[in-house]
């Protein structure tokens, strides 16, 4: 009986591991689809969408639609999740493998009209920003073109890992801020919204750094730090199993056909 019990316990542990791996794979697949949908949105709208309100019930008429008014993201993006309806996706497409809505935050200036349009920026340019809503001087001359570096300065989100190493920084050259972050709360689940509009609690207890990714926290611009780490189930105070998508501003603009061009 003892041996039988040990075998059953080992089998259960293996099954849990396989299931967790499958859910992480599903999460990665859905994140890739969201990335493609966001690029398509940028290509058509020349900006990124604002987050949707994660506290909304699935049945709410405005569930999954971006919180945007007067050409800007409303409020401070607190409770923000991927705006699935605005992207032409289903709610299921915007949830992770553990059935929690994917958290979404975006650099506010990138969600403004023409906020992702770098097509009038010129790599040979030296000038600063043009007037809104173009940002890149339009039209520009050889001496008056906005450089990509000047466009990117201060745009996007700062990202660091659990060791406080900065991975992406819009304020420091070469200005590699993240255009947005899409976050799965991972297997532990803390801080992700359910389709009931309720915030999920962690099943294992999250570390201090992981708690910075909770969708319910206020948003404070580029001073808000999103931790990112490749490790899962780290058994210490920095426990971190979140999955974070964090493309740079330049990479998203380029994929959308709005990258810098020679004029």
Protein backbone atom coordinates (compact mmCIF):
# COMPACT_ATOMS: atom_id res chain seq x y z
CA UNK A 1 0.00 0.00 0.00
CA UNK A 2 2.85 2.36 0.81
CA UNK A 3 4.47 1.76 -2.57
CA UNK A 4 1.11 2.15 -4.30
CA UNK A 5 0.55 5.46 -2.51
CA UNK A 6 3.98 6.74 -3.57
CA UNK A 7 3.29 5.79 -7.19
CA UNK A 8 -0.07 7.59 -7.12
CA UNK A 9 1.55 10.71 -5.64
CA UNK A 10 4.30 10.70 -8.28
CA UNK A 11 1.75 10.26 -11.07
CA UNK A 12 -0.32 13.16 -9.73
CA UNK A 13 2.76 15.41 -9.58
CA UNK A 14 3.70 14.55 -13.17
CA UNK A 15 0.13 15.21 -14.35
CA UNK A 16 0.09 18.62 -12.65
CA UNK A 17 3.41 19.48 -14.29
CA UNK A 18 2.17 18.51 -17.76
CA UNK A 19 -1.07 20.44 -17.27
CA UNK A 20 0.80 23.57 -16.11
CA UNK A 21 3.08 23.32 -19.13
CA UNK A 22 0.13 23.06 -21.49
CA UNK A 23 -1.49 26.12 -19.92
CA UNK A 24 1.71 28.12 -20.28
CA UNK A 25 1.90 27.09 -23.94
CA UNK A 26 -1.73 28.12 -24.49
CA UNK A 27 -1.02 31.44 -22.77
CA UNK A 28 1.98 32.09 -25.02
CA UNK A 29 -0.09 31.24 -28.12
CA UNK A 30 -2.87 33.65 -27.12
CA UNK A 31 -0.36 36.38 -26.32
CA UNK A 32 1.15 36.00 -29.78
CA UNK A 33 -2.31 36.37 -31.32
CA UNK A 34 -2.94 39.50 -29.22
CA UNK A 35 0.39 40.94 -30.33
CA UNK A 36 -0.66 40.41 -33.97
CA UNK A 37 -4.07 41.99 -33.30
CA UNK A 38 -2.43 45.02 -31.68
CA UNK A 39 -0.09 45.45 -34.65
CA UNK A 40 -3.11 45.30 -36.98
CA UNK A 41 -4.89 47.90 -34.83
CA UNK A 42 -1.84 50.18 -34.97
CA UNK A 43 -1.60 49.74 -38.74
CA UNK A 44 -5.20 50.92 -39.14
CA UNK A 45 -5.51 53.49 -36.35
CA UNK A 46 -1.89 54.72 -36.07
CA UNK A 47 -2.13 54.38 -32.30
CA UNK A 48 -2.44 51.70 -29.64
CA UNK A 49 -5.78 51.04 -27.93
CA UNK A 50 -6.43 51.96 -24.31
CA UNK A 51 -7.14 49.16 -21.81
CA UNK A 52 -10.62 47.79 -21.16
CA UNK A 53 -12.08 47.76 -17.65
CA UNK A 54 -11.35 44.40 -16.03
CA UNK A 55 -14.06 44.89 -13.40
CA UNK A 56 -16.82 44.59 -16.01
CA UNK A 57 -18.93 41.44 -16.21
CA UNK A 58 -18.66 39.55 -19.49
CA UNK A 59 -22.33 40.37 -20.13
CA UNK A 60 -21.82 44.14 -19.82
CA UNK A 61 -22.39 45.97 -23.11
CA UNK A 62 -19.07 47.79 -22.80
CA UNK A 63 -17.02 44.84 -21.55
CA UNK A 64 -13.83 44.45 -23.58
CA UNK A 65 -13.99 47.94 -25.12
CA UNK A 66 -11.19 50.42 -24.63
CA UNK A 67 -11.58 53.13 -21.98
CA UNK A 68 -10.91 56.18 -24.16
CA UNK A 69 -12.41 59.64 -24.30
CA UNK A 70 -11.36 62.93 -25.92
CA UNK A 71 -8.53 61.19 -27.74
CA UNK A 72 -6.86 59.79 -24.63
CA UNK A 73 -6.98 56.92 -22.16
CA UNK A 74 -9.40 57.81 -19.39
CA UNK A 75 -8.48 57.59 -15.72
CA UNK A 76 -5.14 56.05 -14.88
CA UNK A 77 -5.54 52.63 -16.55
CA UNK A 78 -6.22 50.98 -13.19
CA UNK A 79 -8.00 47.61 -13.64
CA UNK A 80 -6.85 47.56 -17.28
CA UNK A 81 -7.16 44.38 -19.34
CA UNK A 82 -6.75 43.61 -23.04
CA UNK A 83 -9.63 45.35 -24.93
CA UNK A 84 -10.73 42.26 -26.82
CA UNK A 85 -13.78 43.75 -28.52
CA UNK A 86 -11.84 46.78 -29.76
CA UNK A 87 -9.31 44.36 -31.26
CA UNK A 88 -11.96 42.17 -32.91
CA UNK A 89 -11.23 39.24 -30.57
CA UNK A 90 -13.36 37.14 -28.25
CA UNK A 91 -13.01 37.33 -24.49
CA UNK A 92 -11.57 33.82 -24.55
CA UNK A 93 -8.81 35.07 -26.86
CA UNK A 94 -7.86 37.63 -24.20
CA UNK A 95 -7.61 35.22 -21.28
CA UNK A 96 -4.64 33.10 -20.24
CA UNK A 97 -4.44 29.33 -19.85
CA UNK A 98 -5.85 29.63 -16.32
CA UNK A 99 -8.98 31.50 -17.53
CA UNK A 100 -7.95 34.91 -16.21
CA UNK A 101 -8.14 38.05 -18.28
CA UNK A 102 -4.79 39.31 -19.49
CA UNK A 103 -3.69 42.57 -17.86
CA UNK A 104 -2.82 45.38 -20.30
CA UNK A 105 -1.07 48.72 -19.82
CA UNK A 106 0.08 51.12 -22.53
CA UNK A 107 2.24 54.23 -22.71
CA UNK A 108 -0.46 56.99 -22.74
CA UNK A 109 1.17 59.05 -25.49
CA UNK A 110 1.16 55.97 -27.73
CA UNK A 111 -2.63 55.71 -27.42
CA UNK A 112 -3.12 59.32 -28.54
CA UNK A 113 -4.03 60.10 -32.15
CA UNK A 114 -1.03 59.30 -34.38
CA UNK A 115 0.85 58.23 -31.26
CA UNK A 116 2.47 55.28 -33.05
CA UNK A 117 3.05 56.95 -36.41
CA UNK A 118 6.79 57.24 -37.03
CA UNK A 119 6.48 57.33 -40.83
CA UNK A 120 7.55 60.99 -40.98
CA UNK A 121 10.57 60.41 -38.77
CA UNK A 122 13.87 60.21 -40.62
CA UNK A 123 16.98 58.35 -39.42
CA UNK A 124 19.09 61.21 -40.81
CA UNK A 125 17.06 63.86 -39.01
CA UNK A 126 18.26 65.85 -36.04
CA UNK A 127 15.18 67.91 -35.15
CA UNK A 128 12.92 67.44 -32.16
CA UNK A 129 9.24 66.57 -32.22
CA UNK A 130 6.84 68.20 -34.62
CA UNK A 131 3.45 69.52 -33.55
CA UNK A 132 0.65 67.17 -32.56
CA UNK A 133 -1.04 65.17 -33.91
CA UNK A 134 1.85 64.19 -36.20
CA UNK A 135 4.68 64.31 -33.64
CA UNK A 136 7.21 63.58 -36.37
CA UNK A 137 7.57 66.85 -38.33
CA UNK A 138 5.34 66.56 -41.40
CA UNK A 139 6.51 67.47 -43.96
CA UNK A 140 10.16 67.59 -43.08
CA UNK A 141 13.38 68.69 -44.73
CA UNK A 142 16.88 67.29 -44.45
CA UNK A 143 17.55 69.65 -41.55
CA UNK A 144 14.07 69.64 -40.04
CA UNK A 145 13.21 65.96 -39.85
CA UNK A 146 12.44 64.44 -36.47
CA UNK A 147 14.91 61.73 -35.54
CA UNK A 148 13.55 58.37 -34.34
CA UNK A 149 15.50 58.83 -31.11
CA UNK A 150 13.75 62.14 -30.40
CA UNK A 151 10.37 60.57 -31.12
CA UNK A 152 11.04 57.60 -28.81
CA UNK A 153 12.45 59.62 -25.90
CA UNK A 154 10.11 59.26 -22.94
CA UNK A 155 7.59 57.10 -24.82
CA UNK A 156 6.53 53.73 -23.52
CA UNK A 157 6.85 51.82 -20.27
CA UNK A 158 9.84 51.00 -18.11
CA UNK A 159 10.43 47.30 -17.46
CA UNK A 160 12.73 45.70 -14.91
CA UNK A 161 13.20 42.19 -13.51
CA UNK A 162 12.98 40.84 -9.98
CA UNK A 163 16.63 41.76 -9.39
CA UNK A 164 15.74 45.41 -10.18
CA UNK A 165 17.78 45.29 -13.39
CA UNK A 166 16.25 47.67 -15.92
CA UNK A 167 15.43 45.82 -19.13
CA UNK A 168 13.66 48.58 -21.07
CA UNK A 169 13.81 52.32 -20.38
CA UNK A 170 12.13 55.08 -22.42
CA UNK A 171 14.05 57.78 -20.56
CA UNK A 172 17.59 56.54 -21.25
CA UNK A 173 19.28 56.30 -24.64
CA UNK A 174 18.64 54.38 -26.85
CA UNK A 175 15.06 54.83 -25.53
CA UNK A 176 13.84 51.24 -25.62
CA UNK A 177 10.56 51.67 -23.75
CA UNK A 178 7.92 48.97 -24.06
CA UNK A 179 4.99 50.06 -26.22
CA UNK A 180 2.71 48.11 -23.91
CA UNK A 181 2.72 45.17 -21.54
CA UNK A 182 0.37 42.19 -21.62
CA UNK A 183 0.60 40.18 -18.41
CA UNK A 184 -0.65 36.75 -17.43
CA UNK A 185 -0.75 36.22 -13.68
CA UNK A 186 0.52 32.71 -14.30
CA UNK A 187 -0.39 29.62 -12.34
CA UNK A 188 -0.49 31.48 -9.02
CA UNK A 189 -3.14 33.79 -10.49
CA UNK A 190 -2.85 36.73 -8.10
CA UNK A 191 -3.87 40.08 -9.55
CA UNK A 192 -5.59 38.86 -12.71
CA UNK A 193 -9.28 39.53 -13.37
CA UNK A 194 -11.82 36.73 -13.82
CA UNK A 195 -14.66 37.01 -16.36
CA UNK A 196 -16.93 37.80 -13.42
CA UNK A 197 -15.05 41.08 -12.98
CA UNK A 198 -13.56 39.91 -9.70
CA UNK A 199 -9.84 40.05 -8.97
CA UNK A 200 -8.27 36.63 -8.49
CA UNK A 201 -6.21 35.94 -5.38
CA UNK A 202 -2.93 34.06 -5.44
CA UNK A 203 -3.01 30.32 -4.79
CA UNK A 204 0.53 30.26 -3.38
CA UNK A 205 1.32 33.79 -2.22
CA UNK A 206 3.02 36.23 -4.55
CA UNK A 207 6.36 37.92 -4.00
CA UNK A 208 6.75 41.66 -3.60
CA UNK A 209 7.87 42.13 -7.19
CA UNK A 210 5.11 39.98 -8.67
CA UNK A 211 2.48 42.02 -6.82
CA UNK A 212 3.59 45.09 -8.81
CA UNK A 213 1.88 43.50 -11.84
CA UNK A 214 -1.59 43.34 -10.25
CA UNK A 215 -4.17 44.80 -12.66
CA UNK A 216 -5.96 46.51 -9.77
CA UNK A 217 -3.03 48.78 -8.90
CA UNK A 218 -3.04 52.47 -9.90
CA UNK A 219 -1.02 53.46 -12.93
CA UNK A 220 1.58 56.22 -12.58
CA UNK A 221 3.04 56.63 -16.07
CA UNK A 222 6.61 55.62 -16.85
CA UNK A 223 7.38 55.55 -13.14
CA UNK A 224 5.31 52.36 -12.90
CA UNK A 225 7.60 49.34 -13.10
CA UNK A 226 6.59 46.01 -14.57
CA UNK A 227 8.77 43.15 -13.46
CA UNK A 228 9.70 40.48 -15.95
CA UNK A 229 11.50 37.21 -15.34
CA UNK A 230 11.88 33.93 -17.20
CA UNK A 231 11.66 31.76 -14.08
CA UNK A 232 8.52 30.03 -12.89
CA UNK A 233 7.59 29.11 -9.32
CA UNK A 234 10.61 30.69 -7.63
CA UNK A 235 10.29 29.54 -4.02
CA UNK A 236 11.38 32.70 -2.20
CA UNK A 237 10.19 36.21 -1.37
CA UNK A 238 10.47 37.10 -5.05
CA UNK A 239 8.19 34.27 -6.22
CA UNK A 240 7.37 35.12 -9.84
CA UNK A 241 5.45 33.10 -12.39
CA UNK A 242 3.89 35.92 -14.42
CA UNK A 243 4.24 35.76 -18.19
CA UNK A 244 4.98 39.21 -19.67
CA UNK A 245 4.81 40.37 -23.27
CA UNK A 246 6.72 43.65 -23.70
CA UNK A 247 7.58 44.67 -27.30
CA UNK A 248 9.43 47.91 -27.91
CA UNK A 249 7.75 50.95 -29.44
CA UNK A 250 9.97 50.78 -32.52
CA UNK A 251 9.28 47.09 -33.15
CA UNK A 252 5.50 47.57 -33.03
CA UNK A 253 5.60 50.64 -35.30
CA UNK A 254 7.82 48.82 -37.79
CA UNK A 255 5.57 45.74 -37.91
CA UNK A 256 2.59 48.03 -38.49
CA UNK A 257 4.31 49.70 -41.46
CA UNK A 258 4.68 52.99 -39.57
CA UNK A 259 8.40 52.87 -38.87
CA UNK A 260 10.90 55.64 -39.74
CA UNK A 261 11.53 56.28 -43.42
CA UNK A 262 14.08 58.20 -45.46
CA UNK A 263 12.59 61.44 -46.80
